[in-house]
C-alpha atoms as a PDB file:
ATOM      1  CA  MET A   1     -25.511 -74.833  94.678  1.00  0.00           C
ATOM      2  CA  THR A   2     -26.507 -71.772  96.785  1.00  0.00           C
ATOM      3  CA  PRO A   3     -30.338 -71.702  97.558  1.00  0.00           C
ATOM      4  CA  PRO A   4     -32.094 -68.405  96.862  1.00  0.00           C
ATOM      5  CA  LYS A   5     -32.288 -65.925  99.697  1.00  0.00           C
ATOM      6  CA  SER A   6     -35.537 -64.839 100.838  1.00  0.00           C
ATOM      7  CA  ASN A   7     -36.533 -61.528 102.234  1.00  0.00           C
ATOM      8  CA  ILE A   8     -39.707 -60.844 104.143  1.00  0.00           C
ATOM      9  CA  TYR A   9     -40.349 -57.380 105.331  1.00  0.00           C
ATOM     10  CA  ALA A  10     -42.869 -54.586 105.823  1.00  0.00           C
ATOM     11  CA  SER A  11     -42.376 -51.153 104.266  1.00  0.00           C
ATOM     12  CA  ASP A  12     -44.267 -48.028 103.724  1.00  0.00           C
ATOM     13  CA  SER A  13     -42.054 -46.949 100.791  1.00  0.00           C
ATOM     14  CA  GLN A  14     -42.469 -47.857  97.320  1.00  0.00           C
ATOM     15  CA  PRO A  15     -41.023 -51.373  97.329  1.00  0.00           C
ATOM     16  CA  THR A  16     -40.594 -53.743  94.221  1.00  0.00           C
ATOM     17  CA  THR A  17     -43.387 -55.946  94.497  1.00  0.00           C
ATOM     18  CA  MET A  18     -43.035 -59.740  93.466  1.00  0.00           C
ATOM     19  CA  ALA A  19     -45.614 -61.073  95.769  1.00  0.00           C
ATOM     20  CA  LEU A  20     -48.253 -59.248  97.786  1.00  0.00           C
ATOM     21  CA  ILE A  21     -50.279 -60.594 100.705  1.00  0.00           C
ATOM     22  CA  SER A  22     -53.667 -58.900 100.553  1.00  0.00           C
ATOM     23  CA  MET A  23     -55.567 -58.783 103.861  1.00  0.00           C
ATOM     24  CA  ASP A  24     -58.381 -56.346 102.724  1.00  0.00           C
ATOM     25  CA  ARG A  25     -61.283 -58.566 103.142  1.00  0.00           C
ATOM     26  CA  PHE A  26     -59.750 -60.745 106.132  1.00  0.00           C
ATOM     27  CA  GLY A  27     -61.299 -58.771 108.805  1.00  0.00           C
ATOM     28  CA  LEU A  28     -64.788 -58.775 107.183  1.00  0.00           C
ATOM     29  CA  LYS A  29     -64.543 -62.681 106.982  1.00  0.00           C
ATOM     30  CA  ILE A  30     -63.517 -62.909 110.579  1.00  0.00           C
ATOM     31  CA  PHE A  31     -66.536 -60.711 111.623  1.00  0.00           C
ATOM     32  CA  ILE A  32     -69.007 -62.807 109.700  1.00  0.00           C
ATOM     33  CA  PHE A  33     -67.642 -65.963 111.005  1.00  0.00           C
ATOM     34  CA  CYS A  34     -67.744 -64.645 114.722  1.00  0.00           C
ATOM     35  CA  VAL A  35     -71.221 -63.324 114.485  1.00  0.00           C
ATOM     36  CA  LEU A  36     -72.697 -66.348 112.799  1.00  0.00           C
ATOM     37  CA  THR A  37     -71.009 -68.599 115.441  1.00  0.00           C
ATOM     38  CA  GLU A  38     -72.361 -66.454 118.270  1.00  0.00           C
ATOM     39  CA  VAL A  39     -75.938 -66.525 116.893  1.00  0.00           C
ATOM     40  CA  THR A  40     -75.612 -70.232 116.293  1.00  0.00           C
ATOM     41  CA  LEU A  41     -74.424 -70.773 120.018  1.00  0.00           C
ATOM     42  CA  VAL A  42     -77.362 -68.818 121.264  1.00  0.00           C
ATOM     43  CA  LEU A  43     -79.962 -70.686 119.180  1.00  0.00           C
ATOM     44  CA  ALA A  44     -78.512 -73.926 120.142  1.00  0.00           C
ATOM     45  CA  ASP A  45     -78.526 -72.947 123.982  1.00  0.00           C
ATOM     46  CA  LEU A  46     -82.258 -71.931 123.640  1.00  0.00           C
ATOM     47  CA  PHE A  47     -83.178 -74.887 121.588  1.00  0.00           C
ATOM     48  CA  LEU A  48     -81.649 -77.324 123.921  1.00  0.00           C
ATOM     49  CA  TYR A  49     -82.951 -75.509 127.147  1.00  0.00           C
ATOM     50  CA  PHE A  50     -86.444 -74.985 126.046  1.00  0.00           C
ATOM     51  CA  GLY A  51     -86.608 -78.188 123.947  1.00  0.00           C
ATOM     52  CA  ASP A  52     -86.932 -80.422 127.139  1.00  0.00           C
ATOM     53  CA  LEU A  53     -84.686 -82.912 125.613  1.00  0.00           C
ATOM     54  CA  PRO A  54     -83.408 -85.813 127.666  1.00  0.00           C
ATOM     55  CA  PHE A  55     -79.750 -85.263 126.666  1.00  0.00           C
ATOM     56  CA  LYS A  56     -78.558 -83.257 129.563  1.00  0.00           C
ATOM     57  CA  GLN A  57     -74.921 -83.598 129.011  1.00  0.00           C
ATOM     58  CA  ILE A  58     -75.324 -82.150 125.398  1.00  0.00           C
ATOM     59  CA  ARG A  59     -77.430 -79.385 126.748  1.00  0.00           C
ATOM     60  CA  ASN A  60     -74.763 -78.398 129.324  1.00  0.00           C
ATOM     61  CA  TYR A  61     -72.111 -78.485 126.554  1.00  0.00           C
ATOM     62  CA  PHE A  62     -73.897 -75.763 124.793  1.00  0.00           C
ATOM     63  CA  ASP A  63     -75.232 -73.774 127.836  1.00  0.00           C
ATOM     64  CA  MET A  64     -73.814 -70.230 127.618  1.00  0.00           C
ATOM     65  CA  THR A  65     -74.378 -69.688 131.242  1.00  0.00           C
ATOM     66  CA  ARG A  66     -72.044 -72.508 132.409  1.00  0.00           C
ATOM     67  CA  GLU A  67     -68.283 -73.008 132.219  1.00  0.00           C
ATOM     68  CA  MET A  68     -65.970 -75.623 130.597  1.00  0.00           C
ATOM     69  CA  ASN A  69     -68.060 -75.929 127.437  1.00  0.00           C
ATOM     70  CA  LEU A  70     -68.162 -74.937 123.791  1.00  0.00           C
ATOM     71  CA  PRO A  71     -69.457 -71.264 124.417  1.00  0.00           C
ATOM     72  CA  THR A  72     -66.640 -70.660 126.950  1.00  0.00           C
ATOM     73  CA  TRP A  73     -64.038 -72.053 124.716  1.00  0.00           C
ATOM     74  CA  PHE A  74     -65.123 -69.798 121.823  1.00  0.00           C
ATOM     75  CA  SER A  75     -65.192 -66.746 123.989  1.00  0.00           C
ATOM     76  CA  SER A  76     -61.762 -67.590 125.355  1.00  0.00           C
ATOM     77  CA  VAL A  77     -60.261 -68.067 121.944  1.00  0.00           C
ATOM     78  CA  GLN A  78     -61.869 -64.933 120.594  1.00  0.00           C
ATOM     79  CA  LEU A  79     -60.498 -62.900 123.542  1.00  0.00           C
ATOM     80  CA  LEU A  80     -56.968 -64.460 123.057  1.00  0.00           C
ATOM     81  CA  THR A  81     -57.122 -63.752 119.175  1.00  0.00           C
ATOM     82  CA  THR A  82     -57.877 -60.017 119.971  1.00  0.00           C
ATOM     83  CA  GLY A  83     -55.024 -59.950 122.500  1.00  0.00           C
ATOM     84  CA  VAL A  84     -52.714 -61.463 119.718  1.00  0.00           C
ATOM     85  CA  PHE A  85     -53.733 -58.777 117.177  1.00  0.00           C
ATOM     86  CA  ALA A  86     -53.140 -55.977 119.650  1.00  0.00           C
ATOM     87  CA  GLY A  87     -49.727 -57.426 120.296  1.00  0.00           C
ATOM     88  CA  LEU A  88     -49.005 -57.618 116.553  1.00  0.00           C
ATOM     89  CA  ILE A  89     -49.874 -53.986 116.222  1.00  0.00           C
ATOM     90  CA  ALA A  90     -47.375 -53.146 118.974  1.00  0.00           C
ATOM     91  CA  LEU A  91     -44.711 -55.183 117.224  1.00  0.00           C
ATOM     92  CA  ARG A  92     -45.578 -53.483 113.873  1.00  0.00           C
ATOM     93  CA  ILE A  93     -45.514 -49.942 115.249  1.00  0.00           C
ATOM     94  CA  LYS A  94     -42.372 -50.625 117.135  1.00  0.00           C
ATOM     95  CA  VAL A  95     -40.609 -51.525 113.840  1.00  0.00           C
ATOM     96  CA  SER A  96     -41.916 -48.322 112.195  1.00  0.00           C
ATOM     97  CA  LYS A  97     -40.364 -46.287 115.192  1.00  0.00           C
ATOM     98  CA  ALA A  98     -43.633 -45.071 116.576  1.00  0.00           C
ATOM     99  CA  PRO A  99     -43.616 -43.138 119.866  1.00  0.00           C
ATOM    100  CA  LYS A 100     -43.136 -45.164 123.019  1.00  0.00           C
ATOM    101  CA  TRP A 101     -46.431 -44.408 124.387  1.00  0.00           C
ATOM    102  CA  LYS A 102     -48.191 -45.873 121.482  1.00  0.00           C
ATOM    103  CA  ILE A 103     -46.178 -49.156 121.665  1.00  0.00           C
ATOM    104  CA  ILE A 104     -46.741 -49.377 125.404  1.00  0.00           C
ATOM    105  CA  GLY A 105     -50.428 -48.744 124.946  1.00  0.00           C
ATOM    106  CA  TRP A 106     -50.913 -51.601 122.540  1.00  0.00           C
ATOM    107  CA  ALA A 107     -48.826 -53.908 124.621  1.00  0.00           C
ATOM    108  CA  VAL A 108     -51.230 -53.075 127.748  1.00  0.00           C
ATOM    109  CA  LEU A 109     -54.219 -53.779 125.370  1.00  0.00           C
ATOM    110  CA  SER A 110     -52.692 -57.068 124.334  1.00  0.00           C
ATOM    111  CA  LEU A 111     -52.106 -58.125 128.020  1.00  0.00           C
ATOM    112  CA  PHE A 112     -55.477 -57.084 128.982  1.00  0.00           C
ATOM    113  CA  PHE A 113     -57.334 -59.038 126.325  1.00  0.00           C
ATOM    114  CA  THR A 114     -55.049 -61.991 127.023  1.00  0.00           C
ATOM    115  CA  TYR A 115     -55.818 -61.767 130.707  1.00  0.00           C
ATOM    116  CA  MET A 116     -59.578 -61.654 129.883  1.00  0.00           C
ATOM    117  CA  ALA A 117     -59.276 -64.944 127.951  1.00  0.00           C
ATOM    118  CA  VAL A 118     -57.680 -66.679 130.806  1.00  0.00           C
ATOM    119  CA  ASP A 119     -60.242 -65.182 133.087  1.00  0.00           C
ATOM    120  CA  ASP A 120     -63.170 -66.278 130.936  1.00  0.00           C
ATOM    121  CA  ALA A 121     -61.734 -69.772 130.713  1.00  0.00           C
ATOM    122  CA  THR A 122     -61.206 -70.075 134.468  1.00  0.00           C
ATOM    123  CA  TYR A 123     -64.072 -67.979 135.679  1.00  0.00           C
ATOM    124  CA  PHE A 124     -61.296 -66.222 137.773  1.00  0.00           C
ATOM    125  CA  HIS A 125     -63.182 -63.090 138.805  1.00  0.00           C
ATOM    126  CA  GLU A 126     -66.351 -65.090 139.678  1.00  0.00           C
ATOM    127  CA  ARG A 127     -64.426 -67.543 141.828  1.00  0.00           C
ATOM    128  CA  ILE A 128     -62.576 -64.698 143.712  1.00  0.00           C
ATOM    129  CA  GLY A 129     -66.018 -63.237 144.245  1.00  0.00           C
ATOM    130  CA  ASP A 130     -67.287 -66.616 145.773  1.00  0.00           C
ATOM    131  CA  VAL A 131     -64.130 -66.752 147.967  1.00  0.00           C
ATOM    132  CA  PHE A 132     -64.956 -63.194 149.398  1.00  0.00           C
ATOM    133  CA  ASP A 133     -68.584 -64.369 149.715  1.00  0.00           C
ATOM    134  CA  SER A 134     -67.347 -67.094 151.965  1.00  0.00           C
ATOM    135  CA  ILE A 135     -65.253 -64.516 154.065  1.00  0.00           C
ATOM    136  CA  CYS A 136     -68.400 -62.420 154.530  1.00  0.00           C
ATOM    137  CA  ASP A 137     -70.390 -65.476 155.638  1.00  0.00           C
ATOM    138  CA  GLY A 138     -67.986 -65.667 158.594  1.00  0.00           C
ATOM    139  CA  GLN A 139     -68.035 -63.643 161.527  1.00  0.00           C
ATOM    140  CA  VAL A 140     -67.744 -60.200 159.893  1.00  0.00           C
ATOM    141  CA  PRO A 141     -69.843 -57.333 161.629  1.00  0.00           C
ATOM    142  CA  ALA A 142     -71.826 -55.609 158.999  1.00  0.00           C
ATOM    143  CA  GLY A 143     -70.625 -52.016 158.506  1.00  0.00           C
ATOM    144  CA  SER A 144     -68.073 -52.076 161.371  1.00  0.00           C
ATOM    145  CA  SER A 145     -65.014 -51.819 158.960  1.00  0.00           C
ATOM    146  CA  LEU A 146     -64.223 -51.500 155.220  1.00  0.00           C
ATOM    147  CA  LEU A 147     -64.559 -55.222 155.011  1.00  0.00           C
ATOM    148  CA  GLY A 148     -67.965 -55.087 156.684  1.00  0.00           C
ATOM    149  CA  CYS A 149     -69.037 -52.310 154.254  1.00  0.00           C
ATOM    150  CA  MET A 150     -67.865 -54.433 151.302  1.00  0.00           C
ATOM    151  CA  CYS A 151     -69.763 -57.433 152.711  1.00  0.00           C
ATOM    152  CA  ASP A 152     -73.000 -55.267 152.636  1.00  0.00           C
ATOM    153  CA  TYR A 153     -72.738 -54.940 148.968  1.00  0.00           C
ATOM    154  CA  PRO A 154     -76.148 -56.310 147.723  1.00  0.00           C
ATOM    155  CA  ASN A 155     -74.919 -57.905 144.421  1.00  0.00           C
ATOM    156  CA  TYR A 156     -72.123 -60.171 143.127  1.00  0.00           C
ATOM    157  CA  TYR A 157     -68.797 -59.369 144.998  1.00  0.00           C
ATOM    158  CA  TRP A 158     -66.642 -59.564 141.983  1.00  0.00           C
ATOM    159  CA  GLN A 159     -68.142 -56.188 140.901  1.00  0.00           C
ATOM    160  CA  ILE A 160     -66.717 -54.258 143.888  1.00  0.00           C
ATOM    161  CA  LEU A 161     -63.497 -56.369 143.728  1.00  0.00           C
ATOM    162  CA  PHE A 162     -62.752 -56.084 140.129  1.00  0.00           C
ATOM    163  CA  GLY A 163     -64.993 -53.149 139.114  1.00  0.00           C
ATOM    164  CA  PRO A 164     -62.358 -50.408 139.707  1.00  0.00           C
ATOM    165  CA  PHE A 165     -59.891 -52.413 137.564  1.00  0.00           C
ATOM    166  CA  PHE A 166     -62.373 -52.809 134.705  1.00  0.00           C
ATOM    167  CA  LEU A 167     -63.562 -49.407 134.778  1.00  0.00           C
ATOM    168  CA  GLY A 168     -59.997 -48.001 134.601  1.00  0.00           C
ATOM    169  CA  MET A 169     -59.369 -50.236 131.657  1.00  0.00           C
ATOM    170  CA  ALA A 170     -62.451 -49.140 129.905  1.00  0.00           C
ATOM    171  CA  LEU A 171     -61.508 -45.584 130.296  1.00  0.00           C
ATOM    172  CA  PHE A 172     -57.947 -46.262 129.096  1.00  0.00           C
ATOM    173  CA  ILE A 173     -59.265 -48.282 125.974  1.00  0.00           C
ATOM    174  CA  LEU A 174     -61.732 -45.504 125.230  1.00  0.00           C
ATOM    175  CA  ILE A 175     -59.092 -42.654 125.473  1.00  0.00           C
ATOM    176  CA  PHE A 176     -56.211 -44.504 123.854  1.00  0.00           C
ATOM    177  CA  LEU A 177     -57.990 -46.159 121.022  1.00  0.00           C
ATOM    178  CA  TRP A 178     -59.932 -42.902 120.286  1.00  0.00           C
ATOM    179  CA  LYS A 179     -56.537 -41.470 119.402  1.00  0.00           C
ATOM    180  CA  GLU A 180     -55.287 -44.563 117.692  1.00  0.00           C
ATOM    181  CA  LEU A 181     -58.186 -45.569 115.519  1.00  0.00           C
ATOM    182  CA  THR A 182     -58.327 -42.503 113.183  1.00  0.00           C
ATOM    183  CA  SER A 183     -61.167 -43.496 110.794  1.00  0.00           C
ATOM    184  CA  PRO A 184     -64.937 -42.934 111.680  1.00  0.00           C
ATOM    185  CA  GLU A 185     -65.591 -46.450 111.004  1.00  0.00           C
ATOM    186  CA  LEU A 186     -63.084 -47.832 113.532  1.00  0.00           C
ATOM    187  CA  LYS A 187     -64.184 -45.216 116.097  1.00  0.00           C
ATOM    188  CA  PHE A 188     -67.820 -46.556 115.648  1.00  0.00           C
ATOM    189  CA  TYR A 189     -66.455 -50.131 116.382  1.00  0.00           C
ATOM    190  CA  LEU A 190     -64.743 -48.745 119.539  1.00  0.00           C
ATOM    191  CA  ILE A 191     -67.904 -46.880 120.794  1.00  0.00           C
ATOM    192  CA  LEU A 192     -70.134 -49.848 120.059  1.00  0.00           C
ATOM    193  CA  GLY A 193     -67.855 -52.368 121.583  1.00  0.00           C
ATOM    194  CA  ILE A 194     -67.464 -50.371 124.797  1.00  0.00           C
ATOM    195  CA  THR A 195     -71.330 -49.984 124.791  1.00  0.00           C
ATOM    196  CA  CYS A 196     -71.752 -53.745 124.525  1.00  0.00           C
ATOM    197  CA  TYR A 197     -69.289 -54.371 127.451  1.00  0.00           C
ATOM    198  CA  THR A 198     -71.176 -51.759 129.622  1.00  0.00           C
ATOM    199  CA  ILE A 199     -74.698 -53.363 128.707  1.00  0.00           C
ATOM    200  CA  ALA A 200     -73.289 -56.767 129.625  1.00  0.00           C
ATOM    201  CA  VAL A 201     -72.046 -55.568 132.960  1.00  0.00           C
ATOM    202  CA  GLY A 202     -75.379 -53.831 133.607  1.00  0.00           C
ATOM    203  CA  LEU A 203     -77.207 -57.066 132.896  1.00  0.00           C
ATOM    204  CA  ASP A 204     -74.863 -58.901 135.253  1.00  0.00           C
ATOM    205  CA  PHE A 205     -75.712 -56.272 137.847  1.00  0.00           C
ATOM    206  CA  ILE A 206     -79.460 -56.738 137.309  1.00  0.00           C
ATOM    207  CA  ASP A 207     -79.015 -60.517 137.413  1.00  0.00           C
ATOM    208  CA  GLY A 208     -77.227 -60.179 140.778  1.00  0.00           C
ATOM    209  CA  ASN A 209     -79.920 -58.294 142.601  1.00  0.00           C
ATOM    210  CA  LYS A 210     -82.791 -59.844 140.624  1.00  0.00           C
ATOM    211  CA  SER A 211     -84.740 -56.554 140.214  1.00  0.00           C
ATOM    212  CA  TRP A 212     -86.412 -57.120 136.995  1.00  0.00           C
ATOM    213  CA  TYR A 213     -87.328 -60.854 137.143  1.00  0.00           C
ATOM    214  CA  PRO A 214     -90.672 -60.196 138.644  1.00  0.00           C
ATOM    215  CA  TRP A 215     -91.554 -57.809 135.946  1.00  0.00           C
ATOM    216  CA  ILE A 216     -90.446 -60.458 133.235  1.00  0.00           C
ATOM    217  CA  ILE A 217     -92.352 -63.255 134.895  1.00  0.00           C
ATOM    218  CA  LYS A 218     -95.532 -61.019 135.266  1.00  0.00           C
ATOM    219  CA  ASN A 219     -95.446 -60.062 131.570  1.00  0.00           C
ATOM    220  CA  THR A 220     -94.315 -63.110 130.026  1.00  0.00           C
ATOM    221  CA  SER A 221     -94.905 -66.897 130.331  1.00  0.00           C
ATOM    222  CA  PHE A 222     -91.358 -67.479 131.660  1.00  0.00           C
ATOM    223  CA  ASN A 223     -90.729 -68.738 135.232  1.00  0.00           C
ATOM    224  CA  PHE A 224     -87.820 -67.491 137.363  1.00  0.00           C
ATOM    225  CA  LYS A 225     -85.309 -69.943 136.030  1.00  0.00           C
ATOM    226  CA  GLU A 226     -86.138 -69.447 132.476  1.00  0.00           C
ATOM    227  CA  ALA A 227     -86.141 -65.626 132.861  1.00  0.00           C
ATOM    228  CA  GLN A 228     -82.616 -65.789 134.502  1.00  0.00           C
ATOM    229  CA  HIS A 229     -81.402 -68.098 131.960  1.00  0.00           C
ATOM    230  CA  CYS A 230     -82.503 -65.846 129.066  1.00  0.00           C
ATOM    231  CA  THR A 231     -81.017 -62.770 130.744  1.00  0.00           C
ATOM    232  CA  ARG A 232     -77.635 -64.500 131.168  1.00  0.00           C
ATOM    233  CA  VAL A 233     -77.539 -65.718 127.623  1.00  0.00           C
ATOM    234  CA  LEU A 234     -78.433 -62.174 126.419  1.00  0.00           C
ATOM    235  CA  GLU A 235     -75.528 -60.765 128.495  1.00  0.00           C
ATOM    236  CA  GLU A 236     -73.020 -63.476 127.167  1.00  0.00           C
ATOM    237  CA  PHE A 237     -74.150 -62.778 123.549  1.00  0.00           C
ATOM    238  CA  ILE A 238     -73.710 -58.963 124.041  1.00  0.00           C
ATOM    239  CA  GLU A 239     -70.208 -59.463 125.544  1.00  0.00           C
ATOM    240  CA  LEU A 240     -69.235 -61.887 122.734  1.00  0.00           C
ATOM    241  CA  TYR A 241     -70.375 -59.342 120.069  1.00  0.00           C
ATOM    242  CA  GLY A 242     -68.434 -56.586 121.723  1.00  0.00           C
ATOM    243  CA  THR A 243     -65.243 -58.605 121.641  1.00  0.00           C
ATOM    244  CA  THR A 244     -65.969 -59.299 118.075  1.00  0.00           C
ATOM    245  CA  LEU A 245     -66.171 -55.520 117.375  1.00  0.00           C
ATOM    246  CA  PHE A 246     -62.734 -55.006 119.081  1.00  0.00           C
ATOM    247  CA  LEU A 247     -61.256 -57.768 117.122  1.00  0.00           C
ATOM    248  CA  LEU A 248     -62.555 -56.311 113.925  1.00  0.00           C
ATOM    249  CA  ALA A 249     -61.115 -52.950 114.772  1.00  0.00           C
ATOM    250  CA  PHE A 250     -57.682 -54.465 115.499  1.00  0.00           C
ATOM    251  CA  ILE A 251     -57.496 -56.463 112.493  1.00  0.00           C
ATOM    252  CA  SER A 252     -58.514 -53.456 110.318  1.00  0.00           C
ATOM    253  CA  LYS A 253     -55.755 -51.363 112.150  1.00  0.00           C
ATOM    254  CA  LEU A 254     -53.310 -54.032 111.552  1.00  0.00           C
ATOM    255  CA  THR A 255     -54.217 -54.503 107.995  1.00  0.00           C
ATOM    256  CA  HIS A 256     -53.882 -50.726 107.272  1.00  0.00           C
ATOM    257  CA  SER A 257     -50.413 -50.671 108.845  1.00  0.00           C
ATOM    258  CA  LEU A 258     -49.405 -53.701 106.730  1.00  0.00           C
ATOM    259  CA  ARG A 259     -50.838 -52.472 103.356  1.00  0.00           C
ATOM    260  CA  ASN A 260     -47.519 -52.714 101.686  1.00  0.00           C
ATOM    261  CA  PHE A 261     -46.598 -55.992 103.467  1.00  0.00           C
ATOM    262  CA  GLU A 262     -44.862 -58.174 100.789  1.00  0.00           C
ATOM    263  CA  VAL A 263     -42.776 -61.391 100.571  1.00  0.00           C
ATOM    264  CA  ARG A 264     -39.909 -61.036  98.100  1.00  0.00           C
ATOM    265  CA  PHE A 265     -37.568 -63.758  96.998  1.00  0.00           C
ATOM    266  CA  ILE A 266     -34.156 -62.546  95.721  1.00  0.00           C
END
């Protein structure tokens, strides 16, 4: 006896519908889950940090300023998921015979967010900055060469090593997605997401030169370590929320392109 054939396809025509996979509320559910998780991570971090609990290993496990713990894992998975959805959009528009520049653009976004997931999990750019710091601690005459000028940079070295790349990608994302995300709602997610990333980098810059910590210490009851910790937690939270906005935008974009996605058994 011959088993029934199955045909799974996506179509923008008027298909004969026997089973329809609805994704209308999927993006909203993912958004709510991510935001609740991010808020929970922040509250857990602050509670364990300021609670003065004896369980140091548990505190480190939820410390948003450290690596190889739960917040890092969540951030990496979130970035990787964002990259996967960008890749799915690239595949979807390739099937629909979209212009080549659109396919390449979404593929670039997929690779970028995938790289960011690996970078976040391994602290890649921070470690490269540390390596450069070690080089500058050697016998490098200040200001005598390009290397000497770079070593004079008064902040985290990763900013001058990776800054041009991240700035270029930010401009690419803004220009490309402004054309691709046609609805005002998705454009709002784009602008807010870019703004979150910009603020996070700004907070990292402030943390590097420690310019505002005296003001915080003077106007609050925080000491230096507490002020620094809260600043870094705020930076990580804003960055996570920015990624959430991009993830929501990509899910919405993919959902729209798959509005007639169906599974049909013949």
